[in-house]
PDB file of all heavy atoms in Angstrom:
ATOM      1  N   THR A   1      -3.106   5.972  21.956  1.00  0.00           N
ATOM      2  CA  THR A   1      -3.025   7.311  21.327  1.00  0.00           C
ATOM      3  C   THR A   1      -4.134   8.100  22.106  1.00  0.00           C
ATOM      4  O   THR A   1      -3.927   9.319  22.143  1.00  0.00           O
ATOM      5  CB  THR A   1      -3.295   7.293  19.705  1.00  0.00           C
ATOM      6  OG1 THR A   1      -4.526   6.538  19.537  1.00  0.00           O
ATOM      7  CG2 THR A   1      -2.163   6.773  19.026  1.00  0.00           C
ATOM      8  N   ASP A   2      -5.160   7.652  22.476  1.00  0.00           N
ATOM      9  CA  ASP A   2      -6.149   8.315  23.323  1.00  0.00           C
ATOM     10  C   ASP A   2      -6.844   7.212  24.170  1.00  0.00           C
ATOM     11  O   ASP A   2      -6.557   6.024  23.976  1.00  0.00           O
ATOM     12  CB  ASP A   2      -7.080   9.061  22.479  1.00  0.00           C
ATOM     13  CG  ASP A   2      -8.004   8.424  21.584  1.00  0.00           C
ATOM     14  OD1 ASP A   2      -8.480   7.323  21.991  1.00  0.00           O
ATOM     15  OD2 ASP A   2      -8.189   8.794  20.436  1.00  0.00           O
ATOM     16  N   LYS A   3      -7.812   7.608  24.953  1.00  0.00           N
ATOM     17  CA  LYS A   3      -8.407   6.614  25.898  1.00  0.00           C
ATOM     18  C   LYS A   3      -9.243   5.473  25.241  1.00  0.00           C
ATOM     19  O   LYS A   3      -9.617   4.543  25.828  1.00  0.00           O
ATOM     20  CB  LYS A   3      -9.169   7.340  26.959  1.00  0.00           C
ATOM     21  CG  LYS A   3     -10.350   8.052  26.613  1.00  0.00           C
ATOM     22  CD  LYS A   3     -11.016   8.777  27.680  1.00  0.00           C
ATOM     23  CE  LYS A   3     -12.094   9.616  27.371  1.00  0.00           C
ATOM     24  NZ  LYS A   3     -12.669  10.329  28.370  1.00  0.00           N
ATOM     25  N   ASN A   4      -9.454   5.644  23.920  1.00  0.00           N
ATOM     26  CA  ASN A   4     -10.245   4.659  23.259  1.00  0.00           C
ATOM     27  C   ASN A   4      -9.563   3.990  22.075  1.00  0.00           C
ATOM     28  O   ASN A   4     -10.143   3.241  21.293  1.00  0.00           O
ATOM     29  CB  ASN A   4     -11.585   5.291  22.700  1.00  0.00           C
ATOM     30  CG  ASN A   4     -12.428   5.795  23.758  1.00  0.00           C
ATOM     31  OD1 ASN A   4     -12.639   5.151  24.785  1.00  0.00           O
ATOM     32  ND2 ASN A   4     -13.018   7.021  23.670  1.00  0.00           N
ATOM     33  N   THR A   5      -8.249   4.201  21.920  1.00  0.00           N
ATOM     34  CA  THR A   5      -7.545   3.670  20.772  1.00  0.00           C
ATOM     35  C   THR A   5      -6.193   3.153  21.234  1.00  0.00           C
ATOM     36  O   THR A   5      -5.399   3.672  21.799  1.00  0.00           O
ATOM     37  CB  THR A   5      -7.201   4.819  19.785  1.00  0.00           C
ATOM     38  OG1 THR A   5      -8.471   5.496  19.396  1.00  0.00           O
ATOM     39  CG2 THR A   5      -6.630   4.174  18.427  1.00  0.00           C
ATOM     40  N   VAL A   6      -6.084   1.805  20.865  1.00  0.00           N
ATOM     41  CA  VAL A   6      -4.739   1.085  20.981  1.00  0.00           C
ATOM     42  C   VAL A   6      -4.188   0.667  19.637  1.00  0.00           C
ATOM     43  O   VAL A   6      -4.984   0.074  18.901  1.00  0.00           O
ATOM     44  CB  VAL A   6      -4.948  -0.170  21.929  1.00  0.00           C
ATOM     45  CG1 VAL A   6      -3.617  -0.881  22.028  1.00  0.00           C
ATOM     46  CG2 VAL A   6      -5.475   0.254  23.292  1.00  0.00           C
ATOM     47  N   THR A   7      -3.024   0.971  19.342  1.00  0.00           N
ATOM     48  CA  THR A   7      -2.360   0.763  18.078  1.00  0.00           C
ATOM     49  C   THR A   7      -1.203  -0.136  18.344  1.00  0.00           C
ATOM     50  O   THR A   7      -0.469   0.102  19.268  1.00  0.00           O
ATOM     51  CB  THR A   7      -1.914   1.987  17.341  1.00  0.00           C
ATOM     52  OG1 THR A   7      -3.098   2.901  17.322  1.00  0.00           O
ATOM     53  CG2 THR A   7      -1.433   1.735  16.016  1.00  0.00           C
ATOM     54  N   ASN A   8      -1.014  -1.169  17.467  1.00  0.00           N
ATOM     55  CA  ASN A   8       0.105  -1.999  17.553  1.00  0.00           C
ATOM     56  C   ASN A   8       1.064  -1.595  16.457  1.00  0.00           C
ATOM     57  O   ASN A   8       0.634  -1.778  15.178  1.00  0.00           O
ATOM     58  CB  ASN A   8      -0.142  -3.523  17.403  1.00  0.00           C
ATOM     59  CG  ASN A   8      -0.952  -3.969  18.761  1.00  0.00           C
ATOM     60  OD1 ASN A   8      -0.465  -3.779  19.877  1.00  0.00           O
ATOM     61  ND2 ASN A   8      -2.055  -4.736  18.562  1.00  0.00           N
ATOM     62  N   GLU A   9       2.187  -1.055  16.733  1.00  0.00           N
ATOM     63  CA  GLU A   9       3.153  -0.695  15.602  1.00  0.00           C
ATOM     64  C   GLU A   9       4.151  -1.799  15.527  1.00  0.00           C
ATOM     65  O   GLU A   9       4.714  -2.425  16.551  1.00  0.00           O
ATOM     66  CB  GLU A   9       3.889   0.503  16.097  1.00  0.00           C
ATOM     67  CG  GLU A   9       3.063   1.815  16.081  1.00  0.00           C
ATOM     68  CD  GLU A   9       3.767   3.048  16.464  1.00  0.00           C
ATOM     69  OE1 GLU A   9       5.043   2.932  16.700  1.00  0.00           O
ATOM     70  OE2 GLU A   9       3.216   4.142  16.533  1.00  0.00           O
ATOM     71  N   PHE A  10       4.409  -2.084  14.224  1.00  0.00           N
ATOM     72  CA  PHE A  10       5.509  -3.222  13.931  1.00  0.00           C
ATOM     73  C   PHE A  10       6.829  -2.583  14.201  1.00  0.00           C
ATOM     74  O   PHE A  10       7.231  -1.606  13.600  1.00  0.00           O
ATOM     75  CB  PHE A  10       5.300  -3.619  12.492  1.00  0.00           C
ATOM     76  CG  PHE A  10       6.319  -4.692  12.166  1.00  0.00           C
ATOM     77  CD1 PHE A  10       6.181  -5.981  12.542  1.00  0.00           C
ATOM     78  CD2 PHE A  10       7.433  -4.407  11.318  1.00  0.00           C
ATOM     79  CE1 PHE A  10       7.133  -6.961  12.210  1.00  0.00           C
ATOM     80  CE2 PHE A  10       8.415  -5.348  11.005  1.00  0.00           C
ATOM     81  CZ  PHE A  10       8.177  -6.632  11.399  1.00  0.00           C
ATOM     82  N   VAL A  11       7.681  -3.234  15.029  1.00  0.00           N
ATOM     83  CA  VAL A  11       8.923  -2.722  15.375  1.00  0.00           C
ATOM     84  C   VAL A  11       9.855  -3.962  15.413  1.00  0.00           C
ATOM     85  O   VAL A  11       9.615  -5.067  15.970  1.00  0.00           O
ATOM     86  CB  VAL A  11       8.953  -2.058  16.767  1.00  0.00           C
ATOM     87  CG1 VAL A  11      10.384  -1.632  17.077  1.00  0.00           C
ATOM     88  CG2 VAL A  11       8.008  -0.945  16.824  1.00  0.00           C
ATOM     89  N   VAL A  12      10.988  -3.836  14.658  1.00  0.00           N
ATOM     90  CA  VAL A  12      11.944  -4.922  14.623  1.00  0.00           C
ATOM     91  C   VAL A  12      12.893  -4.797  15.842  1.00  0.00           C
ATOM     92  O   VAL A  12      13.457  -3.694  15.970  1.00  0.00           O
ATOM     93  CB  VAL A  12      12.798  -4.895  13.364  1.00  0.00           C
ATOM     94  CG1 VAL A  12      13.758  -5.995  13.328  1.00  0.00           C
ATOM     95  CG2 VAL A  12      11.872  -4.994  12.136  1.00  0.00           C
ATOM     96  N   PRO A  13      12.936  -5.818  16.686  1.00  0.00           N
ATOM     97  CA  PRO A  13      13.871  -5.741  17.777  1.00  0.00           C
ATOM     98  C   PRO A  13      15.338  -5.550  17.418  1.00  0.00           C
ATOM     99  O   PRO A  13      15.793  -6.027  16.301  1.00  0.00           O
ATOM    100  CB  PRO A  13      13.723  -7.080  18.499  1.00  0.00           C
ATOM    101  CG  PRO A  13      12.580  -7.800  17.852  1.00  0.00           C
ATOM    102  CD  PRO A  13      12.260  -7.106  16.492  1.00  0.00           C
ATOM    103  N   GLU A  14      16.074  -4.789  18.106  1.00  0.00           N
ATOM    104  CA  GLU A  14      17.418  -4.573  17.788  1.00  0.00           C
ATOM    105  C   GLU A  14      18.332  -5.692  18.387  1.00  0.00           C
ATOM    106  O   GLU A  14      19.533  -5.259  18.750  1.00  0.00           O
ATOM    107  CB  GLU A  14      17.856  -3.157  18.313  1.00  0.00           C
ATOM    108  CG  GLU A  14      17.080  -2.046  17.567  1.00  0.00           C
ATOM    109  CD  GLU A  14      17.621  -0.613  17.931  1.00  0.00           C
ATOM    110  OE1 GLU A  14      18.720  -0.535  18.306  1.00  0.00           O
ATOM    111  OE2 GLU A  14      16.846   0.311  17.780  1.00  0.00           O
ATOM    112  N   GLU A  15      17.843  -6.910  18.381  1.00  0.00           N
ATOM    113  CA  GLU A  15      18.701  -7.977  18.889  1.00  0.00           C
ATOM    114  C   GLU A  15      19.826  -8.175  17.939  1.00  0.00           C
ATOM    115  O   GLU A  15      19.769  -7.955  16.781  1.00  0.00           O
ATOM    116  CB  GLU A  15      17.953  -9.264  18.903  1.00  0.00           C
ATOM    117  CG  GLU A  15      16.880  -9.258  20.038  1.00  0.00           C
ATOM    118  CD  GLU A  15      16.087 -10.615  20.153  1.00  0.00           C
ATOM    119  OE1 GLU A  15      16.713 -11.560  20.077  1.00  0.00           O
ATOM    120  OE2 GLU A  15      14.871 -10.512  20.159  1.00  0.00           O
ATOM    121  N   LYS A  16      21.036  -8.645  18.467  1.00  0.00           N
ATOM    122  CA  LYS A  16      22.166  -8.908  17.700  1.00  0.00           C
ATOM    123  C   LYS A  16      22.580 -10.397  17.803  1.00  0.00           C
ATOM    124  O   LYS A  16      22.178 -11.025  18.715  1.00  0.00           O
ATOM    125  CB  LYS A  16      23.395  -8.107  18.251  1.00  0.00           C
ATOM    126  CG  LYS A  16      23.128  -6.531  18.214  1.00  0.00           C
ATOM    127  CD  LYS A  16      23.112  -6.101  16.736  1.00  0.00           C
ATOM    128  CE  LYS A  16      23.094  -4.548  16.796  1.00  0.00           C
ATOM    129  NZ  LYS A  16      22.951  -3.936  15.469  1.00  0.00           N
ATOM    130  N   VAL A  17      23.194 -10.818  16.844  1.00  0.00           N
ATOM    131  CA  VAL A  17      23.830 -12.293  16.887  1.00  0.00           C
ATOM    132  C   VAL A  17      25.313 -12.105  16.615  1.00  0.00           C
ATOM    133  O   VAL A  17      25.780 -11.112  16.012  1.00  0.00           O
ATOM    134  CB  VAL A  17      23.212 -13.220  15.775  1.00  0.00           C
ATOM    135  CG1 VAL A  17      21.792 -13.407  16.112  1.00  0.00           C
ATOM    136  CG2 VAL A  17      23.393 -12.574  14.226  1.00  0.00           C
ATOM    137  N   LEU A  18      25.994 -13.100  17.109  1.00  0.00           N
ATOM    138  CA  LEU A  18      27.443 -13.147  16.933  1.00  0.00           C
ATOM    139  C   LEU A  18      27.739 -14.138  15.764  1.00  0.00           C
ATOM    140  O   LEU A  18      27.273 -15.301  15.915  1.00  0.00           O
ATOM    141  CB  LEU A  18      28.220 -13.542  18.250  1.00  0.00           C
ATOM    142  CG  LEU A  18      27.991 -12.482  19.395  1.00  0.00           C
ATOM    143  CD1 LEU A  18      28.755 -12.993  20.568  1.00  0.00           C
ATOM    144  CD2 LEU A  18      28.609 -11.082  18.918  1.00  0.00           C
ATOM    145  N   VAL A  19      28.390 -13.638  14.783  1.00  0.00           N
ATOM    146  CA  VAL A  19      28.867 -14.613  13.675  1.00  0.00           C
ATOM    147  C   VAL A  19      30.359 -14.674  13.784  1.00  0.00           C
ATOM    148  O   VAL A  19      31.039 -13.782  13.442  1.00  0.00           O
ATOM    149  CB  VAL A  19      28.326 -14.037  12.378  1.00  0.00           C
ATOM    150  CG1 VAL A  19      28.867 -14.967  11.236  1.00  0.00           C
ATOM    151  CG2 VAL A  19      26.874 -13.971  12.280  1.00  0.00           C
ATOM    152  N   LYS A  20      30.908 -15.852  14.193  1.00  0.00           N
ATOM    153  CA  LYS A  20      32.163 -16.011  14.280  1.00  0.00           C
ATOM    154  C   LYS A  20      32.782 -16.625  12.982  1.00  0.00           C
ATOM    155  O   LYS A  20      32.365 -17.740  12.556  1.00  0.00           O
ATOM    156  CB  LYS A  20      32.633 -16.938  15.487  1.00  0.00           C
ATOM    157  CG  LYS A  20      34.166 -16.979  15.631  1.00  0.00           C
ATOM    158  CD  LYS A  20      34.584 -17.793  16.909  1.00  0.00           C
ATOM    159  CE  LYS A  20      36.051 -17.782  17.049  1.00  0.00           C
ATOM    160  NZ  LYS A  20      36.434 -18.344  18.235  1.00  0.00           N
ATOM    161  N   ALA A  21      33.705 -15.822  12.378  1.00  0.00           N
ATOM    162  CA  ALA A  21      34.384 -16.313  11.061  1.00  0.00           C
ATOM    163  C   ALA A  21      35.777 -16.785  11.456  1.00  0.00           C
ATOM    164  O   ALA A  21      36.516 -16.158  12.034  1.00  0.00           O
ATOM    165  CB  ALA A  21      34.455 -15.176  10.134  1.00  0.00           C
ATOM    166  N   VAL A  22      36.045 -18.011  10.911  1.00  0.00           N
ATOM    167  CA  VAL A  22      37.391 -18.552  11.285  1.00  0.00           C
ATOM    168  C   VAL A  22      38.162 -18.869   9.906  1.00  0.00           C
ATOM    169  O   VAL A  22      37.587 -19.343   9.024  1.00  0.00           O
ATOM    170  CB  VAL A  22      37.249 -19.863  12.151  1.00  0.00           C
ATOM    171  CG1 VAL A  22      38.593 -20.546  12.356  1.00  0.00           C
ATOM    172  CG2 VAL A  22      36.503 -19.542  13.323  1.00  0.00           C
ATOM    173  N   LYS A  23      39.451 -18.568   9.926  1.00  0.00           N
ATOM    174  CA  LYS A  23      40.350 -19.054   8.768  1.00  0.00           C
ATOM    175  C   LYS A  23      41.127 -20.123   9.281  1.00  0.00           C
ATOM    176  O   LYS A  23      41.845 -20.028  10.312  1.00  0.00           O
ATOM    177  CB  LYS A  23      41.101 -17.700   8.505  1.00  0.00           C
ATOM    178  CG  LYS A  23      42.120 -18.008   7.430  1.00  0.00           C
ATOM    179  CD  LYS A  23      41.438 -18.099   6.181  1.00  0.00           C
ATOM    180  CE  LYS A  23      42.309 -18.343   5.026  1.00  0.00           C
ATOM    181  NZ  LYS A  23      41.610 -18.614   3.768  1.00  0.00           N
ATOM    182  N   LYS A  24      41.200 -21.171   8.463  1.00  0.00           N
ATOM    183  CA  LYS A  24      42.124 -22.236   8.778  1.00  0.00           C
ATOM    184  C   LYS A  24      43.014 -22.604   7.518  1.00  0.00           C
ATOM    185  O   LYS A  24      42.662 -22.318   6.358  1.00  0.00           O
ATOM    186  CB  LYS A  24      41.331 -23.542   9.049  1.00  0.00           C
ATOM    187  CG  LYS A  24      40.647 -23.562  10.470  1.00  0.00           C
ATOM    188  CD  LYS A  24      40.171 -24.903  10.864  1.00  0.00           C
ATOM    189  CE  LYS A  24      39.467 -24.759  12.207  1.00  0.00           C
ATOM    190  NZ  LYS A  24      38.994 -26.069  12.646  1.00  0.00           N
ATOM    191  N   TRP A  25      44.227 -22.996   7.847  1.00  0.00           N
ATOM    192  CA  TRP A  25      45.151 -23.283   6.696  1.00  0.00           C
ATOM    193  C   TRP A  25      45.487 -24.785   6.725  1.00  0.00           C
ATOM    194  O   TRP A  25      45.791 -25.315   7.787  1.00  0.00           O
ATOM    195  CB  TRP A  25      46.528 -22.522   7.020  1.00  0.00           C
ATOM    196  CG  TRP A  25      46.276 -21.052   7.086  1.00  0.00           C
ATOM    197  CD1 TRP A  25      45.995 -20.258   8.131  1.00  0.00           C
ATOM    198  CD2 TRP A  25      46.162 -20.195   5.906  1.00  0.00           C
ATOM    199  NE1 TRP A  25      45.781 -19.030   7.748  1.00  0.00           N
ATOM    200  CE2 TRP A  25      46.008 -18.955   6.392  1.00  0.00           C
ATOM    201  CE3 TRP A  25      46.320 -20.333   4.539  1.00  0.00           C
ATOM    202  CZ2 TRP A  25      45.808 -17.830   5.520  1.00  0.00           C
ATOM    203  CZ3 TRP A  25      46.232 -19.225   3.686  1.00  0.00           C
ATOM    204  CH2 TRP A  25      45.970 -17.979   4.218  1.00  0.00           C
ATOM    205  N   GLU A  26      45.597 -25.445   5.477  1.00  0.00           N
ATOM    206  CA  GLU A  26      46.052 -26.733   5.361  1.00  0.00           C
ATOM    207  C   GLU A  26      47.246 -26.588   4.447  1.00  0.00           C
ATOM    208  O   GLU A  26      47.146 -26.742   3.201  1.00  0.00           O
ATOM    209  CB  GLU A  26      44.987 -27.624   4.775  1.00  0.00           C
ATOM    210  CG  GLU A  26      43.842 -27.895   5.634  1.00  0.00           C
ATOM    211  CD  GLU A  26      42.837 -28.899   5.165  1.00  0.00           C
ATOM    212  OE1 GLU A  26      42.931 -29.409   4.025  1.00  0.00           O
ATOM    213  OE2 GLU A  26      41.848 -29.073   5.868  1.00  0.00           O
ATOM    214  N   ASP A  27      48.411 -26.176   5.051  1.00  0.00           N
ATOM    215  CA  ASP A  27      49.629 -26.022   4.253  1.00  0.00           C
ATOM    216  C   ASP A  27      50.892 -26.386   4.940  1.00  0.00           C
ATOM    217  O   ASP A  27      52.021 -25.804   4.734  1.00  0.00           O
ATOM    218  CB  ASP A  27      49.700 -24.550   3.913  1.00  0.00           C
ATOM    219  CG  ASP A  27      49.814 -23.521   5.047  1.00  0.00           C
ATOM    220  OD1 ASP A  27      49.763 -24.019   6.237  1.00  0.00           O
ATOM    221  OD2 ASP A  27      49.969 -22.319   4.896  1.00  0.00           O
ATOM    222  N   ASN A  28      50.730 -27.423   5.896  1.00  0.00           N
ATOM    223  CA  ASN A  28      51.807 -28.015   6.580  1.00  0.00           C
ATOM    224  C   ASN A  28      52.593 -26.897   7.377  1.00  0.00           C
ATOM    225  O   ASN A  28      53.887 -26.761   7.175  1.00  0.00           O
ATOM    226  CB  ASN A  28      52.756 -28.823   5.700  1.00  0.00           C
ATOM    227  CG  ASN A  28      53.534 -29.802   6.509  1.00  0.00           C
ATOM    228  OD1 ASN A  28      53.266 -30.133   7.656  1.00  0.00           O
ATOM    229  ND2 ASN A  28      54.597 -30.293   5.885  1.00  0.00           N
ATOM    230  N   ASN A  29      51.858 -26.066   8.065  1.00  0.00           N
ATOM    231  CA  ASN A  29      52.470 -24.967   8.889  1.00  0.00           C
ATOM    232  C   ASN A  29      53.284 -24.043   7.940  1.00  0.00           C
ATOM    233  O   ASN A  29      54.407 -23.657   8.287  1.00  0.00           O
ATOM    234  CB  ASN A  29      53.240 -25.449  10.042  1.00  0.00           C
ATOM    235  CG  ASN A  29      53.456 -24.435  11.147  1.00  0.00           C
ATOM    236  OD1 ASN A  29      52.634 -23.525  11.244  1.00  0.00           O
ATOM    237  ND2 ASN A  29      54.525 -24.549  11.810  1.00  0.00           N
ATOM    238  N   ASN A  30      52.625 -23.662   6.814  1.00  0.00           N
ATOM    239  CA  ASN A  30      53.354 -22.765   5.890  1.00  0.00           C
ATOM    240  C   ASN A  30      54.633 -23.285   5.345  1.00  0.00           C
ATOM    241  O   ASN A  30      55.607 -22.464   5.233  1.00  0.00           O
ATOM    242  CB  ASN A  30      53.388 -21.344   6.575  1.00  0.00           C
ATOM    243  CG  ASN A  30      53.660 -20.218   5.566  1.00  0.00           C
ATOM    244  OD1 ASN A  30      53.288 -20.436   4.333  1.00  0.00           O
ATOM    245  ND2 ASN A  30      54.103 -19.060   5.816  1.00  0.00           N
ATOM    246  N   GLU A  31      54.689 -24.497   5.016  1.00  0.00           N
ATOM    247  CA  GLU A  31      55.879 -25.164   4.553  1.00  0.00           C
ATOM    248  C   GLU A  31      56.546 -24.437   3.456  1.00  0.00           C
ATOM    249  O   GLU A  31      57.850 -24.473   3.438  1.00  0.00           O
ATOM    250  CB  GLU A  31      55.469 -26.643   4.117  1.00  0.00           C
ATOM    251  CG  GLU A  31      56.675 -27.422   3.490  1.00  0.00           C
ATOM    252  CD  GLU A  31      56.199 -28.887   3.095  1.00  0.00           C
ATOM    253  OE1 GLU A  31      54.941 -28.962   2.881  1.00  0.00           O
ATOM    254  OE2 GLU A  31      57.030 -29.686   2.977  1.00  0.00           O
ATOM    255  N   TYR A  32      55.876 -23.927   2.489  1.00  0.00           N
ATOM    256  CA  TYR A  32      56.515 -23.301   1.284  1.00  0.00           C
ATOM    257  C   TYR A  32      56.610 -21.758   1.450  1.00  0.00           C
ATOM    258  O   TYR A  32      57.042 -21.127   0.451  1.00  0.00           O
ATOM    259  CB  TYR A  32      55.839 -23.679   0.056  1.00  0.00           C
ATOM    260  CG  TYR A  32      55.832 -25.212  -0.188  1.00  0.00           C
ATOM    261  CD1 TYR A  32      54.543 -25.846  -0.285  1.00  0.00           C
ATOM    262  CD2 TYR A  32      56.938 -25.887  -0.340  1.00  0.00           C
ATOM    263  CE1 TYR A  32      54.516 -27.202  -0.424  1.00  0.00           C
ATOM    264  CE2 TYR A  32      56.954 -27.211  -0.478  1.00  0.00           C
ATOM    265  CZ  TYR A  32      55.687 -27.912  -0.537  1.00  0.00           C
ATOM    266  OH  TYR A  32      55.691 -29.359  -0.891  1.00  0.00           O
ATOM    267  N   GLY A  33      56.155 -21.128   2.591  1.00  0.00           N
ATOM    268  CA  GLY A  33      56.300 -19.872   2.796  1.00  0.00           C
ATOM    269  C   GLY A  33      55.310 -18.994   1.822  1.00  0.00           C
ATOM    270  O   GLY A  33      55.582 -17.738   1.617  1.00  0.00           O
TER     271      GLY A  33
END
């Protein structure tokens, strides 16, 4: 902020994660429709 002051500001990084959601069926290939 000036030549005699250093400040550390808390900042949350804007990193992202990938969350893969998967749907599975156990219905004998939709046997009953």
